[in-house]
Amino acid sequence: MKINKSVRVFGKVQGVYFRQSTLAKALEFNVTGWVKNEPDGSVSAELEGDEAHISTMLEWMKKGPERASVDKIQISEGKVREYSDFRIIR
């Protein structure tokens, strides 16, 4: 069953390839949705896929890419929107 999670990641997550790395991991884990930088320095994402893949993706997002330093992550249930791919929103 497909699920949707809305995610907000706080810390040193901009300027460290967080969005690009999230895109690569989403493709690897078969997750659809989007990721974008927020004006406050955080990163937002909406993830869709099966529960196991979303769980794996969320575990990765708690650490992020090598240069990132994640302080906090907020996760909430979202409504399934049937995304066809994963993209970086600018």
PDB file of N, CA and C in Angstrom:
ATOM      1  N   MET A   1       0.840  -1.194   0.000  1.00  0.00           N
ATOM      2  CA  MET A   1       0.000   0.000   0.000  1.00  0.00           C
ATOM      3  C   MET A   1       0.878   1.247   0.000  1.00  0.00           C
ATOM      4  N   LYS A   2       0.548   2.187  -0.836  1.00  0.00           N
ATOM      5  CA  LYS A   2       1.310   3.429  -0.959  1.00  0.00           C
ATOM      6  C   LYS A   2       0.945   4.383   0.175  1.00  0.00           C
ATOM      7  N   ILE A   3       1.964   5.030   0.746  1.00  0.00           N
ATOM      8  CA  ILE A   3       1.745   6.033   1.789  1.00  0.00           C
ATOM      9  C   ILE A   3       2.432   7.335   1.378  1.00  0.00           C
ATOM     10  N   ASN A   4       2.087   8.419   2.075  1.00  0.00           N
ATOM     11  CA  ASN A   4       2.670   9.733   1.817  1.00  0.00           C
ATOM     12  C   ASN A   4       3.130  10.318   3.145  1.00  0.00           C
ATOM     13  N   LYS A   5       4.340  10.862   3.143  1.00  0.00           N
ATOM     14  CA  LYS A   5       4.867  11.539   4.331  1.00  0.00           C
ATOM     15  C   LYS A   5       5.361  12.921   3.934  1.00  0.00           C
ATOM     16  N   SER A   6       4.998  13.916   4.727  1.00  0.00           N
ATOM     17  CA  SER A   6       5.539  15.264   4.589  1.00  0.00           C
ATOM     18  C   SER A   6       6.681  15.386   5.591  1.00  0.00           C
ATOM     19  N   VAL A   7       7.803  15.911   5.128  1.00  0.00           N
ATOM     20  CA  VAL A   7       9.014  15.940   5.949  1.00  0.00           C
ATOM     21  C   VAL A   7       9.605  17.344   5.945  1.00  0.00           C
ATOM     22  N   ARG A   8      10.121  17.767   7.089  1.00  0.00           N
ATOM     23  CA  ARG A   8      10.866  19.024   7.202  1.00  0.00           C
ATOM     24  C   ARG A   8      12.147  18.687   7.939  1.00  0.00           C
ATOM     25  N   VAL A   9      13.289  19.056   7.351  1.00  0.00           N
ATOM     26  CA  VAL A   9      14.591  18.729   7.906  1.00  0.00           C
ATOM     27  C   VAL A   9      15.295  20.031   8.285  1.00  0.00           C
ATOM     28  N   PHE A  10      15.778  20.097   9.526  1.00  0.00           N
ATOM     29  CA  PHE A  10      16.432  21.296  10.050  1.00  0.00           C
ATOM     30  C   PHE A  10      17.892  21.007  10.363  1.00  0.00           C
ATOM     31  N   GLY A  11      18.730  22.025  10.301  1.00  0.00           N
ATOM     32  CA  GLY A  11      20.154  21.905  10.577  1.00  0.00           C
ATOM     33  C   GLY A  11      20.942  22.503   9.433  1.00  0.00           C
ATOM     34  N   LYS A  12      22.155  22.032   9.243  1.00  0.00           N
ATOM     35  CA  LYS A  12      22.962  22.470   8.098  1.00  0.00           C
ATOM     36  C   LYS A  12      22.580  21.575   6.929  1.00  0.00           C
ATOM     37  N   VAL A  13      21.507  21.971   6.225  1.00  0.00           N
ATOM     38  CA  VAL A  13      20.954  21.125   5.172  1.00  0.00           C
ATOM     39  C   VAL A  13      20.840  21.844   3.824  1.00  0.00           C
ATOM     40  N   GLN A  14      21.276  23.089   3.760  1.00  0.00           N
ATOM     41  CA  GLN A  14      21.330  23.800   2.485  1.00  0.00           C
ATOM     42  C   GLN A  14      22.787  24.055   2.139  1.00  0.00           C
ATOM     43  N   GLY A  15      23.108  23.962   0.858  1.00  0.00           N
ATOM     44  CA  GLY A  15      24.482  24.165   0.414  1.00  0.00           C
ATOM     45  C   GLY A  15      25.373  22.959   0.648  1.00  0.00           C
ATOM     46  N   VAL A  16      24.771  21.798   0.911  1.00  0.00           N
ATOM     47  CA  VAL A  16      25.533  20.567   1.188  1.00  0.00           C
ATOM     48  C   VAL A  16      25.036  19.404   0.314  1.00  0.00           C
ATOM     49  N   TYR A  17      24.384  19.738  -0.793  1.00  0.00           N
ATOM     50  CA  TYR A  17      23.854  18.742  -1.745  1.00  0.00           C
ATOM     51  C   TYR A  17      22.746  17.883  -1.150  1.00  0.00           C
ATOM     52  N   PHE A  18      22.003  18.431  -0.193  1.00  0.00           N
ATOM     53  CA  PHE A  18      20.926  17.661   0.427  1.00  0.00           C
ATOM     54  C   PHE A  18      19.835  17.319  -0.578  1.00  0.00           C
ATOM     55  N   ARG A  19      19.393  18.316  -1.356  1.00  0.00           N
ATOM     56  CA  ARG A  19      18.320  18.052  -2.331  1.00  0.00           C
ATOM     57  C   ARG A  19      18.766  17.053  -3.392  1.00  0.00           C
ATOM     58  N   GLN A  20      19.963  17.252  -3.946  1.00  0.00           N
ATOM     59  CA  GLN A  20      20.460  16.349  -4.987  1.00  0.00           C
ATOM     60  C   GLN A  20      20.631  14.929  -4.440  1.00  0.00           C
ATOM     61  N   SER A  21      21.136  14.814  -3.229  1.00  0.00           N
ATOM     62  CA  SER A  21      21.308  13.501  -2.603  1.00  0.00           C
ATOM     63  C   SER A  21      19.954  12.856  -2.310  1.00  0.00           C
ATOM     64  N   THR A  22      18.978  13.670  -1.907  1.00  0.00           N
ATOM     65  CA  THR A  22      17.634  13.156  -1.660  1.00  0.00           C
ATOM     66  C   THR A  22      17.024  12.613  -2.952  1.00  0.00           C
ATOM     67  N   LEU A  23      17.225  13.328  -4.049  1.00  0.00           N
ATOM     68  CA  LEU A  23      16.752  12.854  -5.348  1.00  0.00           C
ATOM     69  C   LEU A  23      17.384  11.505  -5.692  1.00  0.00           C
ATOM     70  N   ALA A  24      18.691  11.383  -5.517  1.00  0.00           N
ATOM     71  CA  ALA A  24      19.389  10.125  -5.822  1.00  0.00           C
ATOM     72  C   ALA A  24      18.866   8.980  -4.956  1.00  0.00           C
ATOM     73  N   LYS A  25      18.661   9.243  -3.670  1.00  0.00           N
ATOM     74  CA  LYS A  25      18.149   8.202  -2.764  1.00  0.00           C
ATOM     75  C   LYS A  25      16.705   7.835  -3.105  1.00  0.00           C
ATOM     76  N   ALA A  26      15.904   8.825  -3.484  1.00  0.00           N
ATOM     77  CA  ALA A  26      14.516   8.536  -3.864  1.00  0.00           C
ATOM     78  C   ALA A  26      14.474   7.607  -5.068  1.00  0.00           C
ATOM     79  N   LEU A  27      15.337   7.852  -6.038  1.00  0.00           N
ATOM     80  CA  LEU A  27      15.406   6.968  -7.206  1.00  0.00           C
ATOM     81  C   LEU A  27      15.869   5.571  -6.787  1.00  0.00           C
ATOM     82  N   GLU A  28      16.856   5.519  -5.901  1.00  0.00           N
ATOM     83  CA  GLU A  28      17.381   4.233  -5.413  1.00  0.00           C
ATOM     84  C   GLU A  28      16.310   3.449  -4.651  1.00  0.00           C
ATOM     85  N   PHE A  29      15.522   4.149  -3.832  1.00  0.00           N
ATOM     86  CA  PHE A  29      14.536   3.499  -2.962  1.00  0.00           C
ATOM     87  C   PHE A  29      13.136   3.434  -3.574  1.00  0.00           C
ATOM     88  N   ASN A  30      12.994   3.851  -4.851  1.00  0.00           N
ATOM     89  CA  ASN A  30      11.702   3.805  -5.534  1.00  0.00           C
ATOM     90  C   ASN A  30      10.646   4.659  -4.819  1.00  0.00           C
ATOM     91  N   VAL A  31      11.029   5.887  -4.481  1.00  0.00           N
ATOM     92  CA  VAL A  31      10.155   6.834  -3.813  1.00  0.00           C
ATOM     93  C   VAL A  31       9.863   7.985  -4.773  1.00  0.00           C
ATOM     94  N   THR A  32       8.607   8.433  -4.818  1.00  0.00           N
ATOM     95  CA  THR A  32       8.229   9.572  -5.648  1.00  0.00           C
ATOM     96  C   THR A  32       7.914  10.767  -4.757  1.00  0.00           C
ATOM     97  N   GLY A  33       7.793  11.951  -5.375  1.00  0.00           N
ATOM     98  CA  GLY A  33       7.471  13.170  -4.636  1.00  0.00           C
ATOM     99  C   GLY A  33       8.379  14.308  -5.027  1.00  0.00           C
ATOM    100  N   TRP A  34       8.779  15.114  -4.046  1.00  0.00           N
ATOM    101  CA  TRP A  34       9.612  16.273  -4.312  1.00  0.00           C
ATOM    102  C   TRP A  34      10.416  16.675  -3.077  1.00  0.00           C
ATOM    103  N   VAL A  35      11.418  17.547  -3.305  1.00  0.00           N
ATOM    104  CA  VAL A  35      12.223  18.129  -2.232  1.00  0.00           C
ATOM    105  C   VAL A  35      12.536  19.567  -2.616  1.00  0.00           C
ATOM    106  N   LYS A  36      12.583  20.473  -1.618  1.00  0.00           N
ATOM    107  CA  LYS A  36      12.909  21.869  -1.907  1.00  0.00           C
ATOM    108  C   LYS A  36      13.520  22.550  -0.679  1.00  0.00           C
ATOM    109  N   ASN A  37      14.309  23.592  -0.946  1.00  0.00           N
ATOM    110  CA  ASN A  37      14.851  24.444   0.109  1.00  0.00           C
ATOM    111  C   ASN A  37      13.761  25.400   0.579  1.00  0.00           C
ATOM    112  N   GLU A  38      13.794  25.706   1.873  1.00  0.00           N
ATOM    113  CA  GLU A  38      12.867  26.678   2.444  1.00  0.00           C
ATOM    114  C   GLU A  38      13.626  27.951   2.817  1.00  0.00           C
ATOM    115  N   PRO A  39      12.945  29.102   2.840  1.00  0.00           N
ATOM    116  CA  PRO A  39      13.616  30.370   3.161  1.00  0.00           C
ATOM    117  C   PRO A  39      14.292  30.392   4.535  1.00  0.00           C
ATOM    118  N   ASP A  40      13.807  29.577   5.476  1.00  0.00           N
ATOM    119  CA  ASP A  40      14.385  29.574   6.831  1.00  0.00           C
ATOM    120  C   ASP A  40      15.632  28.698   6.948  1.00  0.00           C
ATOM    121  N   GLY A  41      16.095  28.123   5.831  1.00  0.00           N
ATOM    122  CA  GLY A  41      17.293  27.287   5.857  1.00  0.00           C
ATOM    123  C   GLY A  41      17.023  25.799   5.995  1.00  0.00           C
ATOM    124  N   SER A  42      15.756  25.440   6.172  1.00  0.00           N
ATOM    125  CA  SER A  42      15.403  24.020   6.265  1.00  0.00           C
ATOM    126  C   SER A  42      15.144  23.458   4.864  1.00  0.00           C
ATOM    127  N   VAL A  43      14.893  22.157   4.803  1.00  0.00           N
ATOM    128  CA  VAL A  43      14.523  21.488   3.561  1.00  0.00           C
ATOM    129  C   VAL A  43      13.195  20.776   3.796  1.00  0.00           C
ATOM    130  N   SER A  44      12.267  20.934   2.842  1.00  0.00           N
ATOM    131  CA  SER A  44      10.976  20.244   2.890  1.00  0.00           C
ATOM    132  C   SER A  44      10.944  19.166   1.818  1.00  0.00           C
ATOM    133  N   ALA A  45      10.195  18.113   2.092  1.00  0.00           N
ATOM    134  CA  ALA A  45      10.018  17.060   1.098  1.00  0.00           C
ATOM    135  C   ALA A  45       8.660  16.413   1.287  1.00  0.00           C
ATOM    136  N   GLU A  46       8.148  15.885   0.204  1.00  0.00           N
ATOM    137  CA  GLU A  46       6.959  15.051   0.258  1.00  0.00           C
ATOM    138  C   GLU A  46       7.348  13.731  -0.396  1.00  0.00           C
ATOM    139  N   LEU A  47       7.165  12.656   0.337  1.00  0.00           N
ATOM    140  CA  LEU A  47       7.610  11.328  -0.099  1.00  0.00           C
ATOM    141  C   LEU A  47       6.421  10.404  -0.271  1.00  0.00           C
ATOM    142  N   GLU A  48       6.410   9.652  -1.375  1.00  0.00           N
ATOM    143  CA  GLU A  48       5.373   8.658  -1.600  1.00  0.00           C
ATOM    144  C   GLU A  48       5.978   7.344  -2.039  1.00  0.00           C
ATOM    145  N   GLY A  49       5.427   6.266  -1.529  1.00  0.00           N
ATOM    146  CA  GLY A  49       5.891   4.945  -1.899  1.00  0.00           C
ATOM    147  C   GLY A  49       5.359   3.929  -0.913  1.00  0.00           C
ATOM    148  N   ASP A  50       5.867   2.697  -1.013  1.00  0.00           N
ATOM    149  CA  ASP A  50       5.404   1.712  -0.040  1.00  0.00           C
ATOM    150  C   ASP A  50       6.098   1.970   1.302  1.00  0.00           C
ATOM    151  N   GLU A  51       5.502   1.457   2.343  1.00  0.00           N
ATOM    152  CA  GLU A  51       5.931   1.774   3.706  1.00  0.00           C
ATOM    153  C   GLU A  51       7.403   1.448   3.959  1.00  0.00           C
ATOM    154  N   ALA A  52       7.876   0.317   3.462  1.00  0.00           N
ATOM    155  CA  ALA A  52       9.266  -0.086   3.685  1.00  0.00           C
ATOM    156  C   ALA A  52      10.233   0.894   3.018  1.00  0.00           C
ATOM    157  N   HIS A  53       9.923   1.305   1.790  1.00  0.00           N
ATOM    158  CA  HIS A  53      10.797   2.242   1.087  1.00  0.00           C
ATOM    159  C   HIS A  53      10.799   3.619   1.744  1.00  0.00           C
ATOM    160  N   ILE A  54       9.625   4.065   2.185  1.00  0.00           N
ATOM    161  CA  ILE A  54       9.534   5.363   2.871  1.00  0.00           C
ATOM    162  C   ILE A  54      10.311   5.306   4.182  1.00  0.00           C
ATOM    163  N   SER A  55      10.189   4.219   4.908  1.00  0.00           N
ATOM    164  CA  SER A  55      10.919   4.059   6.164  1.00  0.00           C
ATOM    165  C   SER A  55      12.433   4.140   5.935  1.00  0.00           C
ATOM    166  N   THR A  56      12.925   3.466   4.903  1.00  0.00           N
ATOM    167  CA  THR A  56      14.351   3.503   4.570  1.00  0.00           C
ATOM    168  C   THR A  56      14.773   4.917   4.199  1.00  0.00           C
ATOM    169  N   MET A  57      13.952   5.599   3.420  1.00  0.00           N
ATOM    170  CA  MET A  57      14.240   6.977   3.005  1.00  0.00           C
ATOM    171  C   MET A  57      14.287   7.915   4.210  1.00  0.00           C
ATOM    172  N   LEU A  58      13.347   7.764   5.126  1.00  0.00           N
ATOM    173  CA  LEU A  58      13.313   8.621   6.315  1.00  0.00           C
ATOM    174  C   LEU A  58      14.544   8.384   7.196  1.00  0.00           C
ATOM    175  N   GLU A  59      14.972   7.148   7.326  1.00  0.00           N
ATOM    176  CA  GLU A  59      16.187   6.851   8.099  1.00  0.00           C
ATOM    177  C   GLU A  59      17.393   7.554   7.482  1.00  0.00           C
ATOM    178  N   TRP A  60      17.484   7.544   6.148  1.00  0.00           N
ATOM    179  CA  TRP A  60      18.586   8.229   5.479  1.00  0.00           C
ATOM    180  C   TRP A  60      18.482   9.741   5.711  1.00  0.00           C
ATOM    181  N   MET A  61      17.275  10.298   5.632  1.00  0.00           N
ATOM    182  CA  MET A  61      17.097  11.748   5.782  1.00  0.00           C
ATOM    183  C   MET A  61      17.451  12.231   7.185  1.00  0.00           C
ATOM    184  N   LYS A  62      17.394  11.370   8.176  1.00  0.00           N
ATOM    185  CA  LYS A  62      17.771  11.757   9.546  1.00  0.00           C
ATOM    186  C   LYS A  62      19.257  12.065   9.651  1.00  0.00           C
ATOM    187  N   LYS A  63      20.055  11.570   8.709  1.00  0.00           N
ATOM    188  CA  LYS A  63      21.492  11.853   8.668  1.00  0.00           C
ATOM    189  C   LYS A  63      21.838  12.749   7.487  1.00  0.00           C
ATOM    190  N   GLY A  64      21.247  12.460   6.316  1.00  0.00           N
ATOM    191  CA  GLY A  64      21.513  13.228   5.110  1.00  0.00           C
ATOM    192  C   GLY A  64      22.859  12.891   4.507  1.00  0.00           C
ATOM    193  N   PRO A  65      23.273  13.685   3.506  1.00  0.00           N
ATOM    194  CA  PRO A  65      24.568  13.444   2.868  1.00  0.00           C
ATOM    195  C   PRO A  65      25.723  13.789   3.810  1.00  0.00           C
ATOM    196  N   GLU A  66      26.909  13.405   3.413  1.00  0.00           N
ATOM    197  CA  GLU A  66      28.098  13.532   4.258  1.00  0.00           C
ATOM    198  C   GLU A  66      28.311  14.931   4.835  1.00  0.00           C
ATOM    199  N   ARG A  67      28.122  15.967   4.031  1.00  0.00           N
ATOM    200  CA  ARG A  67      28.398  17.337   4.485  1.00  0.00           C
ATOM    201  C   ARG A  67      27.267  17.953   5.309  1.00  0.00           C
ATOM    202  N   ALA A  68      26.122  17.294   5.380  1.00  0.00           N
ATOM    203  CA  ALA A  68      24.973  17.814   6.131  1.00  0.00           C
ATOM    204  C   ALA A  68      25.134  17.538   7.619  1.00  0.00           C
ATOM    205  N   SER A  69      24.425  18.335   8.408  1.00  0.00           N
ATOM    206  CA  SER A  69      24.341  18.119   9.849  1.00  0.00           C
ATOM    207  C   SER A  69      22.877  18.319  10.247  1.00  0.00           C
ATOM    208  N   VAL A  70      22.144  17.220  10.368  1.00  0.00           N
ATOM    209  CA  VAL A  70      20.710  17.279  10.660  1.00  0.00           C
ATOM    210  C   VAL A  70      20.507  17.424  12.165  1.00  0.00           C
ATOM    211  N   ASP A  71      19.816  18.505  12.552  1.00  0.00           N
ATOM    212  CA  ASP A  71      19.498  18.740  13.966  1.00  0.00           C
ATOM    213  C   ASP A  71      18.161  18.124  14.352  1.00  0.00           C
ATOM    214  N   LYS A  72      17.188  18.220  13.445  1.00  0.00           N
ATOM    215  CA  LYS A  72      15.823  17.787  13.772  1.00  0.00           C
ATOM    216  C   LYS A  72      15.096  17.461  12.476  1.00  0.00           C
ATOM    217  N   ILE A  73      14.181  16.500  12.553  1.00  0.00           N
ATOM    218  CA  ILE A  73      13.344  16.158  11.405  1.00  0.00           C
ATOM    219  C   ILE A  73      11.904  16.032  11.886  1.00  0.00           C
ATOM    220  N   GLN A  74      10.984  16.688  11.177  1.00  0.00           N
ATOM    221  CA  GLN A  74       9.558  16.592  11.478  1.00  0.00           C
ATOM    222  C   GLN A  74       8.904  15.769  10.378  1.00  0.00           C
ATOM    223  N   ILE A  75       8.089  14.804  10.776  1.00  0.00           N
ATOM    224  CA  ILE A  75       7.436  13.909   9.817  1.00  0.00           C
ATOM    225  C   ILE A  75       5.943  13.874  10.121  1.00  0.00           C
ATOM    226  N   SER A  76       5.123  14.053   9.106  1.00  0.00           N
ATOM    227  CA  SER A  76       3.677  13.945   9.295  1.00  0.00           C
ATOM    228  C   SER A  76       3.064  13.160   8.140  1.00  0.00           C
ATOM    229  N   GLU A  77       1.893  12.583   8.413  1.00  0.00           N
ATOM    230  CA  GLU A  77       1.151  11.843   7.391  1.00  0.00           C
ATOM    231  C   GLU A  77       0.623  12.828   6.366  1.00  0.00           C
ATOM    232  N   GLY A  78       0.696  12.441   5.119  1.00  0.00           N
ATOM    233  CA  GLY A  78       0.127  13.249   4.053  1.00  0.00           C
ATOM    234  C   GLY A  78      -0.889  12.441   3.264  1.00  0.00           C
ATOM    235  N   LYS A  79      -1.534  13.102   2.333  1.00  0.00           N
ATOM    236  CA  LYS A  79      -2.514  12.458   1.463  1.00  0.00           C
ATOM    237  C   LYS A  79      -1.786  11.958   0.220  1.00  0.00           C
ATOM    238  N   VAL A  80      -2.031  10.721  -0.167  1.00  0.00           N
ATOM    239  CA  VAL A  80      -1.397  10.149  -1.357  1.00  0.00           C
ATOM    240  C   VAL A  80      -1.844  10.934  -2.587  1.00  0.00           C
ATOM    241  N   ARG A  81      -0.857  11.393  -3.367  1.00  0.00           N
ATOM    242  CA  ARG A  81      -1.144  12.234  -4.531  1.00  0.00           C
ATOM    243  C   ARG A  81      -0.767  11.576  -5.858  1.00  0.00           C
ATOM    244  N   GLU A  82      -0.230  10.359  -5.790  1.00  0.00           N
ATOM    245  CA  GLU A  82       0.120   9.599  -7.000  1.00  0.00           C
ATOM    246  C   GLU A  82       1.157  10.307  -7.867  1.00  0.00           C
ATOM    247  N   TYR A  83       2.242  10.760  -7.246  1.00  0.00           N
ATOM    248  CA  TYR A  83       3.344  11.350  -8.013  1.00  0.00           C
ATOM    249  C   TYR A  83       3.914  10.309  -8.965  1.00  0.00           C
ATOM    250  N   SER A  84       4.336  10.756 -10.141  1.00  0.00           N
ATOM    251  CA  SER A  84       4.884   9.828 -11.129  1.00  0.00           C
ATOM    252  C   SER A  84       6.410   9.763 -11.082  1.00  0.00           C
ATOM    253  N   ASP A  85       7.036  10.736 -10.404  1.00  0.00           N
ATOM    254  CA  ASP A  85       8.500  10.779 -10.329  1.00  0.00           C
ATOM    255  C   ASP A  85       8.918  11.522  -9.062  1.00  0.00           C
ATOM    256  N   PHE A  86      10.217  11.748  -8.922  1.00  0.00           N
ATOM    257  CA  PHE A  86      10.723  12.540  -7.805  1.00  0.00           C
ATOM    258  C   PHE A  86      11.483  13.717  -8.407  1.00  0.00           C
ATOM    259  N   ARG A  87      11.244  14.905  -7.886  1.00  0.00           N
ATOM    260  CA  ARG A  87      11.907  16.079  -8.463  1.00  0.00           C
ATOM    261  C   ARG A  87      12.337  17.083  -7.403  1.00  0.00           C
ATOM    262  N   ILE A  88      13.308  17.878  -7.791  1.00  0.00           N
ATOM    263  CA  ILE A  88      13.759  18.989  -6.977  1.00  0.00           C
ATOM    264  C   ILE A  88      12.944  20.215  -7.404  1.00  0.00           C
ATOM    265  N   ILE A  89      12.297  20.841  -6.441  1.00  0.00           N
ATOM    266  CA  ILE A  89      11.552  22.076  -6.713  1.00  0.00           C
ATOM    267  C   ILE A  89      12.455  23.241  -6.346  1.00  0.00           C
ATOM    268  N   ARG A  90      12.586  24.189  -7.256  1.00  0.00           N
ATOM    269  CA  ARG A  90      13.435  25.364  -7.001  1.00  0.00           C
ATOM    270  C   ARG A  90      12.586  26.573  -6.726  1.00  0.00           C
TER     271      ARG A  90
END
